[in-house]
C-alpha atoms as a PDB file:
ATOM      1  CA  MET A   1     148.367 122.177 134.314  1.00  0.00           C
ATOM      2  CA  THR A   2     146.155 121.283 131.341  1.00  0.00           C
ATOM      3  CA  GLU A   3     142.525 120.222 131.344  1.00  0.00           C
ATOM      4  CA  THR A   4     141.928 116.563 132.111  1.00  0.00           C
ATOM      5  CA  GLN A   5     138.984 114.265 132.668  1.00  0.00           C
ATOM      6  CA  ASN A   6     138.537 115.752 136.122  1.00  0.00           C
ATOM      7  CA  ILE A   7     139.629 119.357 135.574  1.00  0.00           C
ATOM      8  CA  GLU A   8     138.001 122.132 133.527  1.00  0.00           C
ATOM      9  CA  TYR A   9     139.118 125.759 133.108  1.00  0.00           C
ATOM     10  CA  LYS A  10     136.850 128.719 132.380  1.00  0.00           C
ATOM     11  CA  THR A  11     137.947 132.352 132.135  1.00  0.00           C
ATOM     12  CA  SER A  12     134.606 133.657 133.432  1.00  0.00           C
ATOM     13  CA  TRP A  13     131.354 132.321 134.835  1.00  0.00           C
ATOM     14  CA  ARG A  14     128.264 131.629 132.743  1.00  0.00           C
ATOM     15  CA  ASP A  15     125.194 129.808 133.988  1.00  0.00           C
ATOM     16  CA  GLU A  16     125.553 127.233 131.201  1.00  0.00           C
ATOM     17  CA  TYR A  17     128.569 125.893 133.078  1.00  0.00           C
ATOM     18  CA  LEU A  18     126.057 124.241 135.377  1.00  0.00           C
ATOM     19  CA  LYS A  19     125.983 121.625 132.582  1.00  0.00           C
ATOM     20  CA  TRP A  20     129.646 120.873 133.302  1.00  0.00           C
ATOM     21  CA  ILE A  21     128.908 120.519 136.990  1.00  0.00           C
ATOM     22  CA  SER A  22     126.079 118.107 136.117  1.00  0.00           C
ATOM     23  CA  GLY A  23     128.491 116.184 133.878  1.00  0.00           C
ATOM     24  CA  PHE A  24     131.106 115.876 136.623  1.00  0.00           C
ATOM     25  CA  SER A  25     128.557 114.768 139.213  1.00  0.00           C
ATOM     26  CA  ASN A  26     127.205 112.102 136.856  1.00  0.00           C
ATOM     27  CA  ALA A  27     130.732 110.813 136.207  1.00  0.00           C
ATOM     28  CA  SER A  28     133.592 110.508 138.701  1.00  0.00           C
ATOM     29  CA  GLY A  29     133.495 114.074 139.986  1.00  0.00           C
ATOM     30  CA  GLY A  30     135.987 116.823 139.238  1.00  0.00           C
ATOM     31  CA  LYS A  31     137.015 120.435 139.626  1.00  0.00           C
ATOM     32  CA  ILE A  32     136.077 123.531 137.625  1.00  0.00           C
ATOM     33  CA  TYR A  33     138.309 126.575 137.897  1.00  0.00           C
ATOM     34  CA  ILE A  34     136.702 129.922 137.066  1.00  0.00           C
ATOM     35  CA  GLY A  35     139.178 132.657 136.212  1.00  0.00           C
ATOM     36  CA  ILE A  36     141.788 130.457 134.503  1.00  0.00           C
ATOM     37  CA  ASP A  37     142.279 130.184 130.738  1.00  0.00           C
ATOM     38  CA  ASP A  38     142.710 126.980 128.705  1.00  0.00           C
ATOM     39  CA  ASN A  39     146.491 127.120 129.170  1.00  0.00           C
ATOM     40  CA  GLY A  40     146.149 127.059 132.946  1.00  0.00           C
ATOM     41  CA  LYS A  41     147.040 130.741 133.365  1.00  0.00           C
ATOM     42  CA  VAL A  42     145.190 132.697 136.056  1.00  0.00           C
ATOM     43  CA  VAL A  43     143.380 135.687 134.534  1.00  0.00           C
ATOM     44  CA  GLY A  44     141.340 136.681 137.585  1.00  0.00           C
ATOM     45  CA  LEU A  45     137.653 137.477 138.078  1.00  0.00           C
ATOM     46  CA  PRO A  46     135.661 140.670 138.584  1.00  0.00           C
ATOM     47  CA  ASP A  47     132.830 140.657 141.149  1.00  0.00           C
ATOM     48  CA  ILE A  48     134.239 137.506 142.685  1.00  0.00           C
ATOM     49  CA  ASN A  49     132.469 138.047 146.001  1.00  0.00           C
ATOM     50  CA  LYS A  50     129.085 138.096 144.258  1.00  0.00           C
ATOM     51  CA  LEU A  51     129.998 134.887 142.373  1.00  0.00           C
ATOM     52  CA  MET A  52     130.969 133.268 145.675  1.00  0.00           C
ATOM     53  CA  GLU A  53     127.361 133.741 146.750  1.00  0.00           C
ATOM     54  CA  ASP A  54     125.558 133.174 143.429  1.00  0.00           C
ATOM     55  CA  ILE A  55     127.259 130.001 142.198  1.00  0.00           C
ATOM     56  CA  PRO A  56     126.559 127.770 145.257  1.00  0.00           C
ATOM     57  CA  ASN A  57     122.912 128.902 145.247  1.00  0.00           C
ATOM     58  CA  LYS A  58     122.511 128.168 141.534  1.00  0.00           C
ATOM     59  CA  ILE A  59     124.082 124.729 141.927  1.00  0.00           C
ATOM     60  CA  VAL A  60     121.572 123.872 144.652  1.00  0.00           C
ATOM     61  CA  ASN A  61     118.555 125.419 142.892  1.00  0.00           C
ATOM     62  CA  TYR A  62     119.212 124.041 139.390  1.00  0.00           C
ATOM     63  CA  LEU A  63     120.968 120.762 140.132  1.00  0.00           C
ATOM     64  CA  GLY A  64     119.809 119.813 143.605  1.00  0.00           C
ATOM     65  CA  ILE A  65     123.339 119.088 144.825  1.00  0.00           C
ATOM     66  CA  VAL A  66     125.915 120.873 146.956  1.00  0.00           C
ATOM     67  CA  ALA A  67     129.365 121.674 145.590  1.00  0.00           C
ATOM     68  CA  GLU A  68     132.295 123.209 147.395  1.00  0.00           C
ATOM     69  CA  VAL A  69     133.176 126.679 146.052  1.00  0.00           C
ATOM     70  CA  ASN A  70     136.545 128.005 147.194  1.00  0.00           C
ATOM     71  CA  LEU A  71     138.187 131.392 146.766  1.00  0.00           C
ATOM     72  CA  MET A  72     141.727 130.965 145.426  1.00  0.00           C
ATOM     73  CA  GLU A  73     144.542 133.398 144.620  1.00  0.00           C
ATOM     74  CA  ALA A  74     147.696 133.297 142.508  1.00  0.00           C
ATOM     75  CA  ASP A  75     149.873 136.054 141.057  1.00  0.00           C
ATOM     76  CA  ASN A  76     147.747 138.579 142.990  1.00  0.00           C
ATOM     77  CA  LYS A  77     144.692 137.464 140.998  1.00  0.00           C
ATOM     78  CA  LYS A  78     141.669 135.772 142.493  1.00  0.00           C
ATOM     79  CA  TYR A  79     139.821 132.834 140.983  1.00  0.00           C
ATOM     80  CA  LEU A  80     137.296 130.201 142.059  1.00  0.00           C
ATOM     81  CA  GLU A  81     137.632 126.483 142.541  1.00  0.00           C
ATOM     82  CA  ILE A  82     134.419 124.438 142.321  1.00  0.00           C
ATOM     83  CA  ILE A  83     134.827 120.917 143.672  1.00  0.00           C
ATOM     84  CA  VAL A  84     132.150 118.510 142.401  1.00  0.00           C
ATOM     85  CA  SER A  85     131.698 115.125 144.044  1.00  0.00           C
ATOM     86  CA  PRO A  86     130.265 112.154 142.118  1.00  0.00           C
ATOM     87  CA  SER A  87     126.555 111.742 142.782  1.00  0.00           C
ATOM     88  CA  SER A  88     124.873 108.456 143.644  1.00  0.00           C
ATOM     89  CA  VAL A  89     121.706 109.629 141.873  1.00  0.00           C
ATOM     90  CA  PRO A  90     121.329 111.067 138.342  1.00  0.00           C
ATOM     91  CA  VAL A  91     121.740 114.861 138.179  1.00  0.00           C
ATOM     92  CA  SER A  92     120.069 116.851 135.400  1.00  0.00           C
ATOM     93  CA  TYR A  93     120.214 120.488 134.355  1.00  0.00           C
ATOM     94  CA  LYS A  94     116.823 121.724 133.157  1.00  0.00           C
ATOM     95  CA  GLY A  95     115.757 118.126 132.516  1.00  0.00           C
ATOM     96  CA  ILE A  96     118.856 117.217 130.477  1.00  0.00           C
ATOM     97  CA  TYR A  97     121.542 114.846 131.730  1.00  0.00           C
ATOM     98  CA  HIS A  98     125.216 115.469 131.020  1.00  0.00           C
ATOM     99  CA  PHE A  99     128.240 113.237 131.487  1.00  0.00           C
ATOM    100  CA  ARG A 100     131.946 113.999 131.658  1.00  0.00           C
ATOM    101  CA  THR A 101     134.038 111.660 129.528  1.00  0.00           C
ATOM    102  CA  GLY A 102     137.672 112.336 128.706  1.00  0.00           C
ATOM    103  CA  SER A 103     138.026 116.123 128.604  1.00  0.00           C
ATOM    104  CA  THR A 104     134.602 116.685 127.035  1.00  0.00           C
ATOM    105  CA  LYS A 105     131.024 116.986 128.236  1.00  0.00           C
ATOM    106  CA  GLN A 106     128.454 114.782 126.528  1.00  0.00           C
ATOM    107  CA  GLU A 107     124.680 115.214 126.548  1.00  0.00           C
ATOM    108  CA  LEU A 108     123.099 111.849 127.268  1.00  0.00           C
ATOM    109  CA  LYS A 109     120.331 110.843 124.869  1.00  0.00           C
ATOM    110  CA  GLY A 110     118.456 107.763 123.724  1.00  0.00           C
ATOM    111  CA  ASN A 111     119.874 104.414 124.718  1.00  0.00           C
ATOM    112  CA  ALA A 112     122.918 105.971 126.427  1.00  0.00           C
ATOM    113  CA  LEU A 113     120.601 107.942 128.727  1.00  0.00           C
ATOM    114  CA  HIS A 114     118.398 104.904 129.308  1.00  0.00           C
ATOM    115  CA  GLN A 115     121.345 102.735 130.348  1.00  0.00           C
ATOM    116  CA  PHE A 116     122.845 105.495 132.494  1.00  0.00           C
ATOM    117  CA  LEU A 117     119.614 106.030 134.446  1.00  0.00           C
ATOM    118  CA  LEU A 118     119.110 102.304 134.992  1.00  0.00           C
ATOM    119  CA  LYS A 119     122.681 101.895 136.207  1.00  0.00           C
ATOM    120  CA  ARG A 120     122.400 104.804 138.633  1.00  0.00           C
ATOM    121  CA  LEU A 121     119.143 103.430 139.961  1.00  0.00           C
ATOM    122  CA  GLY A 122     120.806 100.061 140.516  1.00  0.00           C
ATOM    123  CA  ARG A 123     118.863  98.299 137.787  1.00  0.00           C
ATOM    124  CA  THR A 124     119.581  96.807 134.381  1.00  0.00           C
ATOM    125  CA  TRP A 125     117.371  96.595 131.319  1.00  0.00           C
ATOM    126  CA  ASP A 126     117.012  92.827 131.469  1.00  0.00           C
ATOM    127  CA  ASP A 127     115.807  93.140 135.083  1.00  0.00           C
ATOM    128  CA  LEU A 128     112.835  95.336 134.122  1.00  0.00           C
ATOM    129  CA  PRO A 129     109.308  93.905 133.738  1.00  0.00           C
ATOM    130  CA  CYS A 130     108.295  92.947 130.214  1.00  0.00           C
ATOM    131  CA  GLU A 131     104.921  94.596 129.821  1.00  0.00           C
ATOM    132  CA  ASN A 132     102.117  92.461 128.327  1.00  0.00           C
ATOM    133  CA  ALA A 133     104.173  89.263 128.604  1.00  0.00           C
ATOM    134  CA  ALA A 134     102.560  86.250 130.285  1.00  0.00           C
ATOM    135  CA  ILE A 135     103.581  82.753 131.335  1.00  0.00           C
ATOM    136  CA  GLU A 136     102.053  81.489 128.089  1.00  0.00           C
ATOM    137  CA  ASP A 137     104.824  83.326 126.213  1.00  0.00           C
ATOM    138  CA  ILE A 138     107.472  81.096 127.839  1.00  0.00           C
ATOM    139  CA  ASP A 139     108.577  77.953 126.011  1.00  0.00           C
ATOM    140  CA  ALA A 140     108.669  75.113 128.554  1.00  0.00           C
ATOM    141  CA  ASP A 141     110.755  72.979 126.179  1.00  0.00           C
ATOM    142  CA  VAL A 142     113.487  75.616 126.198  1.00  0.00           C
ATOM    143  CA  ILE A 143     113.538  75.657 129.986  1.00  0.00           C
ATOM    144  CA  ARG A 144     113.917  71.868 130.013  1.00  0.00           C
ATOM    145  CA  TYR A 145     116.704  72.245 127.447  1.00  0.00           C
ATOM    146  CA  PHE A 146     118.388  74.796 129.731  1.00  0.00           C
ATOM    147  CA  PHE A 147     118.311  72.540 132.784  1.00  0.00           C
ATOM    148  CA  LYS A 148     119.486  69.567 130.743  1.00  0.00           C
ATOM    149  CA  LYS A 149     122.517  71.515 129.513  1.00  0.00           C
ATOM    150  CA  ALA A 150     123.173  72.862 133.017  1.00  0.00           C
ATOM    151  CA  SER A 151     122.999  69.348 134.454  1.00  0.00           C
ATOM    152  CA  ILE A 152     125.408  67.969 131.852  1.00  0.00           C
ATOM    153  CA  SER A 153     127.898  70.735 132.603  1.00  0.00           C
ATOM    154  CA  LYS A 154     127.435  70.094 136.362  1.00  0.00           C
ATOM    155  CA  ARG A 155     126.319  73.691 136.927  1.00  0.00           C
ATOM    156  CA  LEU A 156     123.026  72.579 138.449  1.00  0.00           C
ATOM    157  CA  ALA A 157     121.814  69.417 140.170  1.00  0.00           C
ATOM    158  CA  GLU A 158     119.965  66.886 138.011  1.00  0.00           C
ATOM    159  CA  ASN A 159     116.619  67.347 139.757  1.00  0.00           C
ATOM    160  CA  THR A 160     116.701  71.159 139.489  1.00  0.00           C
ATOM    161  CA  GLY A 161     113.874  72.646 137.445  1.00  0.00           C
ATOM    162  CA  SER A 162     111.277  70.024 138.318  1.00  0.00           C
ATOM    163  CA  ASP A 163     108.871  72.620 139.751  1.00  0.00           C
ATOM    164  CA  ASP A 164     105.982  74.137 137.815  1.00  0.00           C
ATOM    165  CA  LEU A 165     106.803  76.821 135.248  1.00  0.00           C
ATOM    166  CA  LYS A 166     106.003  79.853 137.407  1.00  0.00           C
ATOM    167  CA  THR A 167     107.933  78.510 140.409  1.00  0.00           C
ATOM    168  CA  THR A 168     110.905  77.692 138.182  1.00  0.00           C
ATOM    169  CA  LEU A 169     110.990  81.236 136.812  1.00  0.00           C
ATOM    170  CA  GLU A 170     110.727  82.638 140.336  1.00  0.00           C
ATOM    171  CA  ASN A 171     113.640  80.434 141.444  1.00  0.00           C
ATOM    172  CA  LEU A 172     115.654  81.787 138.539  1.00  0.00           C
ATOM    173  CA  ASP A 173     114.770  85.348 139.644  1.00  0.00           C
ATOM    174  CA  LEU A 174     113.004  86.032 136.349  1.00  0.00           C
ATOM    175  CA  ILE A 175     109.756  87.336 137.817  1.00  0.00           C
ATOM    176  CA  THR A 176     109.425  90.764 139.441  1.00  0.00           C
ATOM    177  CA  GLU A 177     107.935  91.450 142.845  1.00  0.00           C
ATOM    178  CA  GLY A 178     104.856  92.624 140.951  1.00  0.00           C
ATOM    179  CA  HIS A 179     104.519  89.117 139.466  1.00  0.00           C
ATOM    180  CA  LYS A 180     105.507  90.168 135.948  1.00  0.00           C
ATOM    181  CA  LEU A 181     107.988  88.418 133.705  1.00  0.00           C
ATOM    182  CA  LYS A 182     111.304  90.199 133.402  1.00  0.00           C
ATOM    183  CA  ASN A 183     112.790  91.102 130.028  1.00  0.00           C
ATOM    184  CA  ALA A 184     115.461  88.454 130.662  1.00  0.00           C
ATOM    185  CA  ALA A 185     112.793  85.741 130.944  1.00  0.00           C
ATOM    186  CA  ILE A 186     111.509  86.482 127.438  1.00  0.00           C
ATOM    187  CA  LEU A 187     115.010  86.787 125.989  1.00  0.00           C
ATOM    188  CA  LEU A 188     116.105  83.477 127.493  1.00  0.00           C
ATOM    189  CA  PHE A 189     112.991  81.321 127.266  1.00  0.00           C
ATOM    190  CA  GLY A 190     110.434  83.176 125.153  1.00  0.00           C
ATOM    191  CA  LYS A 191     108.563  81.440 122.336  1.00  0.00           C
ATOM    192  CA  ARG A 192     108.808  84.551 120.163  1.00  0.00           C
ATOM    193  CA  PRO A 193     111.053  87.217 121.746  1.00  0.00           C
ATOM    194  CA  SER A 194     110.791  89.341 118.586  1.00  0.00           C
ATOM    195  CA  ARG A 195     107.131  89.936 119.393  1.00  0.00           C
ATOM    196  CA  PHE A 196     108.258  92.049 122.347  1.00  0.00           C
ATOM    197  CA  PHE A 197     111.695  93.127 121.123  1.00  0.00           C
ATOM    198  CA  PRO A 198     111.708  93.568 117.318  1.00  0.00           C
ATOM    199  CA  SER A 199     115.502  93.869 117.162  1.00  0.00           C
ATOM    200  CA  VAL A 200     116.169  90.450 118.694  1.00  0.00           C
ATOM    201  CA  SER A 201     118.132  88.763 115.943  1.00  0.00           C
ATOM    202  CA  PHE A 202     121.617  87.606 115.040  1.00  0.00           C
ATOM    203  CA  LYS A 203     122.941  88.480 111.583  1.00  0.00           C
ATOM    204  CA  ILE A 204     125.692  86.529 109.843  1.00  0.00           C
ATOM    205  CA  GLY A 205     127.206  87.670 106.564  1.00  0.00           C
ATOM    206  CA  ARG A 206     129.944  86.710 104.136  1.00  0.00           C
ATOM    207  CA  PHE A 207     132.027  89.605 102.833  1.00  0.00           C
ATOM    208  CA  ILE A 208     134.527  88.884 100.062  1.00  0.00           C
ATOM    209  CA  ASP A 209     136.317  91.915  98.616  1.00  0.00           C
ATOM    210  CA  GLY A 210     135.431  94.560 101.197  1.00  0.00           C
ATOM    211  CA  ASP A 211     132.928  95.831 103.727  1.00  0.00           C
ATOM    212  CA  ASP A 212     130.475  96.714 100.952  1.00  0.00           C
ATOM    213  CA  ASP A 213     130.754  93.333  99.204  1.00  0.00           C
ATOM    214  CA  LEU A 214     128.163  91.259 101.073  1.00  0.00           C
ATOM    215  CA  ARG A 215     127.648  88.065  99.073  1.00  0.00           C
ATOM    216  CA  PHE A 216     125.089  86.355 101.296  1.00  0.00           C
ATOM    217  CA  GLN A 217     123.746  86.472 104.830  1.00  0.00           C
ATOM    218  CA  ASP A 218     121.551  84.711 107.367  1.00  0.00           C
ATOM    219  CA  VAL A 219     119.318  86.133 110.080  1.00  0.00           C
ATOM    220  CA  VAL A 220     118.735  83.989 113.163  1.00  0.00           C
ATOM    221  CA  GLU A 221     115.796  84.737 115.463  1.00  0.00           C
ATOM    222  CA  GLY A 222     114.496  83.192 118.656  1.00  0.00           C
ATOM    223  CA  ASN A 223     115.467  83.101 122.312  1.00  0.00           C
ATOM    224  CA  ILE A 224     119.076  83.483 123.354  1.00  0.00           C
ATOM    225  CA  LEU A 225     119.612  79.877 124.433  1.00  0.00           C
ATOM    226  CA  GLN A 226     118.536  78.346 121.144  1.00  0.00           C
ATOM    227  CA  MET A 227     119.962  81.204 119.112  1.00  0.00           C
ATOM    228  CA  ALA A 228     123.542  80.324 120.044  1.00  0.00           C
ATOM    229  CA  ASP A 229     123.157  76.720 118.850  1.00  0.00           C
ATOM    230  CA  LYS A 230     121.470  77.836 115.610  1.00  0.00           C
ATOM    231  CA  VAL A 231     124.277  80.298 114.915  1.00  0.00           C
ATOM    232  CA  MET A 232     126.902  77.622 115.583  1.00  0.00           C
ATOM    233  CA  ASP A 233     125.203  75.207 113.185  1.00  0.00           C
ATOM    234  CA  ILE A 234     124.959  77.812 110.407  1.00  0.00           C
ATOM    235  CA  LEU A 235     128.579  78.890 110.841  1.00  0.00           C
ATOM    236  CA  LYS A 236     129.767  75.286 110.664  1.00  0.00           C
ATOM    237  CA  SER A 237     127.670  74.433 107.619  1.00  0.00           C
ATOM    238  CA  LYS A 238     128.050  77.596 105.514  1.00  0.00           C
ATOM    239  CA  TYR A 239     130.720  79.986 106.723  1.00  0.00           C
ATOM    240  CA  LEU A 240     133.668  78.197 108.303  1.00  0.00           C
ATOM    241  CA  ILE A 241     136.203  75.802 106.887  1.00  0.00           C
ATOM    242  CA  SER A 242     136.904  72.450 108.544  1.00  0.00           C
ATOM    243  CA  PRO A 243     140.247  71.255 107.173  1.00  0.00           C
ATOM    244  CA  ILE A 244     140.579  67.487 106.994  1.00  0.00           C
ATOM    245  CA  HIS A 245     143.650  65.648 108.202  1.00  0.00           C
ATOM    246  CA  TYR A 246     144.410  62.105 109.283  1.00  0.00           C
ATOM    247  CA  GLU A 247     145.926  60.720 112.414  1.00  0.00           C
ATOM    248  CA  GLY A 248     146.786  57.213 111.390  1.00  0.00           C
ATOM    249  CA  LEU A 249     143.585  55.846 109.862  1.00  0.00           C
ATOM    250  CA  GLN A 250     141.368  58.293 111.720  1.00  0.00           C
ATOM    251  CA  ARG A 251     139.863  61.175 109.722  1.00  0.00           C
ATOM    252  CA  ILE A 252     139.880  64.451 111.685  1.00  0.00           C
ATOM    253  CA  GLU A 253     137.775  67.511 110.761  1.00  0.00           C
ATOM    254  CA  GLN A 254     138.575  70.489 112.938  1.00  0.00           C
ATOM    255  CA  LEU A 255     137.036  73.962 112.619  1.00  0.00           C
ATOM    256  CA  GLU A 256     139.400  76.742 111.576  1.00  0.00           C
ATOM    257  CA  ILE A 257     138.290  78.491 114.802  1.00  0.00           C
ATOM    258  CA  PRO A 258     138.232  76.343 117.968  1.00  0.00           C
ATOM    259  CA  ALA A 259     134.612  75.520 118.823  1.00  0.00           C
ATOM    260  CA  GLU A 260     134.860  76.736 122.420  1.00  0.00           C
ATOM    261  CA  ALA A 261     136.344  80.080 121.378  1.00  0.00           C
ATOM    262  CA  LEU A 262     133.679  80.435 118.698  1.00  0.00           C
ATOM    263  CA  ARG A 263     130.855  79.707 121.117  1.00  0.00           C
ATOM    264  CA  GLU A 264     132.240  82.208 123.622  1.00  0.00           C
ATOM    265  CA  ALA A 265     132.410  84.869 120.894  1.00  0.00           C
ATOM    266  CA  ILE A 266     128.788  84.160 119.960  1.00  0.00           C
ATOM    267  CA  PHE A 267     127.592  84.486 123.544  1.00  0.00           C
ATOM    268  CA  ASN A 268     129.539  87.728 123.912  1.00  0.00           C
ATOM    269  CA  ALA A 269     127.785  89.051 120.810  1.00  0.00           C
ATOM    270  CA  ILE A 270     124.365  87.917 122.038  1.00  0.00           C
ATOM    271  CA  HIS A 271     123.926  90.357 124.893  1.00  0.00           C
ATOM    272  CA  PRO A 272     120.667  91.741 126.316  1.00  0.00           C
ATOM    273  CA  VAL A 273     121.859  95.332 126.184  1.00  0.00           C
ATOM    274  CA  ARG A 274     121.733  95.122 122.390  1.00  0.00           C
ATOM    275  CA  TYR A 275     117.984  94.675 122.546  1.00  0.00           C
ATOM    276  CA  SER A 276     117.204  97.691 124.682  1.00  0.00           C
END
């Protein structure tokens, strides 16, 4: 049997393999076999009784979890099976988090680590408080625009959103228990989201003869709700073709990409995780 996403072979034990155990526990769990080579052949282990005692203790002391360590035997050679269950909390080895993906172990850094920790803690980036943001940073006109659109599409009742600004944001679950605006509140309704998140922008470009042949581009800034409409307007006016045809005496101009499909693609591209 070859190595898979959930199986790892090692011919001997080294303490650095605690990283693999961390990686399995942070993913979907798995098994590590000590005393088997990469081809799945049992090579056996010296001092296996000492390892049976040392490895469980090191897993607890370094990782803070418990893993099942079993003594196995094949072809008159003994080896160890370490069964790692997925953990509901992040597991680090010496302050570094690892993650099993495919048949490799990855060290989590930067945004990948940030997203992983938030997910394990049951939170998302847009649900976190936006430090230094205040009600004054919310554009009331955009909120009215939101409720108007929601009313037209029958997603909300017509009288929804008639409360004061703070109450409206609380009803939309955009204020934390500590009475701070969430990141999502600024992204959706902020007057200047880029003041808090410098990377909040949507870039559009026209490439002609290749990926390095950018002829012109536009950068759209602002909150997410208005950004989508601005992007649609720019695409219609500068980037997309609207072939003209006639149905009887009626002139028809239809975008080369259906408007609904285009809008959905724009909203998929405008995603809060990109701003984290």
